[in-house]
């Protein structure tokens, strides 16, 4: 079993996503989405984090050690695996329709 660890950037990305959903749709959708993401991370990554591929979106940016998993129909979680520590570090979460370049540039400005 792998321990799940979140980074400040992951938390920031999640908060931005939830704020967007709450303002554009509803507070209930934001809450439901957060629960779906949490449940999917635990189910998909704690047992076998190697189930998801290396992120092609990030390979295009020269980042080759991060994986991505679709946690529901719209949302992607980026993470890395520390096999020695048996840890999965959550790096970012985003809507699959977003631009990864735009998200990363916005997050870098806020951190």
Protein backbone atom coordinates (compact mmCIF):
# COMPACT_ATOMS: atom_id res chain seq x y z
CA UNK A 1 0.00 0.00 0.00
CA UNK A 2 1.33 3.43 -0.97
CA UNK A 3 0.97 6.51 1.21
CA UNK A 4 -0.70 9.45 -0.56
CA UNK A 5 1.00 12.84 -0.04
CA UNK A 6 -0.26 16.18 -1.34
CA UNK A 7 1.86 19.18 -2.26
CA UNK A 8 0.90 22.83 -1.74
CA UNK A 9 0.59 23.18 -5.52
CA UNK A 10 -1.87 20.27 -5.67
CA UNK A 11 -3.97 21.90 -2.94
CA UNK A 12 -3.87 25.23 -4.79
CA UNK A 13 -4.92 23.59 -8.07
CA UNK A 14 -7.74 21.73 -6.34
CA UNK A 15 -9.00 24.91 -4.67
CA UNK A 16 -8.91 26.76 -7.99
CA UNK A 17 -10.84 23.95 -9.68
CA UNK A 18 -13.45 23.84 -6.93
CA UNK A 19 -13.84 27.62 -6.95
CA UNK A 20 -14.41 27.52 -10.71
CA UNK A 21 -17.04 24.78 -10.38
CA UNK A 22 -18.78 26.57 -7.52
CA UNK A 23 -18.92 29.92 -9.32
CA UNK A 24 -19.89 28.54 -12.74
CA UNK A 25 -22.19 25.69 -11.66
CA UNK A 26 -22.94 25.06 -7.98
CA UNK A 27 -21.47 24.48 -4.53
CA UNK A 28 -22.92 20.98 -4.62
CA UNK A 29 -21.06 20.13 -7.83
CA UNK A 30 -17.82 21.42 -6.31
CA UNK A 31 -18.35 19.29 -3.20
CA UNK A 32 -19.26 16.20 -5.23
CA UNK A 33 -16.24 16.68 -7.49
CA UNK A 34 -13.89 16.97 -4.54
CA UNK A 35 -15.25 13.72 -3.08
CA UNK A 36 -14.98 11.95 -6.45
CA UNK A 37 -11.37 13.05 -6.85
CA UNK A 38 -10.49 11.95 -3.32
CA UNK A 39 -12.17 8.56 -3.74
CA UNK A 40 -10.58 7.92 -7.14
CA UNK A 41 -7.10 8.80 -5.87
CA UNK A 42 -7.40 6.37 -2.98
CA UNK A 43 -8.88 3.59 -5.13
CA UNK A 44 -6.61 3.98 -8.14
CA UNK A 45 -3.28 5.02 -6.68
CA UNK A 46 -2.82 3.63 -3.18
CA UNK A 47 -2.82 0.01 -4.37
CA UNK A 48 -0.96 0.31 -7.69
CA UNK A 49 0.24 3.76 -8.72
CA UNK A 50 1.95 2.31 -11.79
CA UNK A 51 -1.48 1.72 -13.34
CA UNK A 52 -1.41 5.18 -14.98
CA UNK A 53 0.95 6.23 -17.77
CA UNK A 54 3.70 8.82 -17.84
CA UNK A 55 2.00 12.10 -18.73
CA UNK A 56 2.20 12.87 -22.44
CA UNK A 57 1.07 16.43 -21.72
CA UNK A 58 4.12 16.94 -19.53
CA UNK A 59 6.55 15.03 -21.75
CA UNK A 60 5.88 17.74 -24.34
CA UNK A 61 7.17 20.23 -21.72
CA UNK A 62 10.27 18.15 -20.98
CA UNK A 63 8.94 16.66 -17.72
CA UNK A 64 9.31 12.88 -17.95
CA UNK A 65 8.91 11.43 -14.45
CA UNK A 66 5.31 12.43 -13.70
CA UNK A 67 2.26 10.27 -14.33
CA UNK A 68 -1.34 11.26 -14.93
CA UNK A 69 -4.56 9.51 -14.05
CA UNK A 70 -8.10 10.38 -15.08
CA UNK A 71 -10.03 10.46 -11.82
CA UNK A 72 -13.39 11.08 -13.48
CA UNK A 73 -14.70 12.18 -16.87
CA UNK A 74 -13.16 15.66 -16.70
CA UNK A 75 -10.37 15.70 -14.14
CA UNK A 76 -6.74 14.62 -14.30
CA UNK A 77 -4.33 14.22 -11.40
CA UNK A 78 -0.59 14.47 -11.97
CA UNK A 79 1.67 12.63 -9.55
CA UNK A 80 5.04 11.01 -9.02
CA UNK A 81 5.98 7.78 -7.31
CA UNK A 82 8.71 7.30 -4.73
CA UNK A 83 9.17 3.54 -4.82
CA UNK A 84 11.71 3.54 -1.95
CA UNK A 85 9.35 5.37 0.42
CA UNK A 86 6.20 3.75 -1.00
CA UNK A 87 4.70 7.21 -1.53
CA UNK A 88 2.57 8.78 -4.22
CA UNK A 89 3.01 12.54 -4.29
CA UNK A 90 0.08 14.44 -5.80
CA UNK A 91 1.39 17.36 -7.82
CA UNK A 92 -1.57 18.96 -9.59
CA UNK A 93 -5.18 18.43 -10.58
CA UNK A 94 -6.91 20.01 -13.54
CA UNK A 95 -9.91 19.84 -15.81
CA UNK A 96 -8.90 17.88 -18.90
CA UNK A 97 -10.11 20.74 -21.11
CA UNK A 98 -7.63 23.16 -19.52
CA UNK A 99 -4.24 23.98 -20.97
CA UNK A 100 -1.50 22.46 -18.82
CA UNK A 101 0.87 25.27 -19.83
CA UNK A 102 -1.61 27.92 -18.70
CA UNK A 103 -2.30 26.11 -15.43
CA UNK A 104 1.39 25.74 -14.62
CA UNK A 105 2.16 29.38 -15.42
CA UNK A 106 -0.76 30.57 -13.25
CA UNK A 107 0.23 28.33 -10.35
CA UNK A 108 3.87 29.41 -10.50
CA UNK A 109 2.77 33.03 -10.18
CA UNK A 110 0.65 32.22 -7.12
CA UNK A 111 3.14 30.06 -5.22
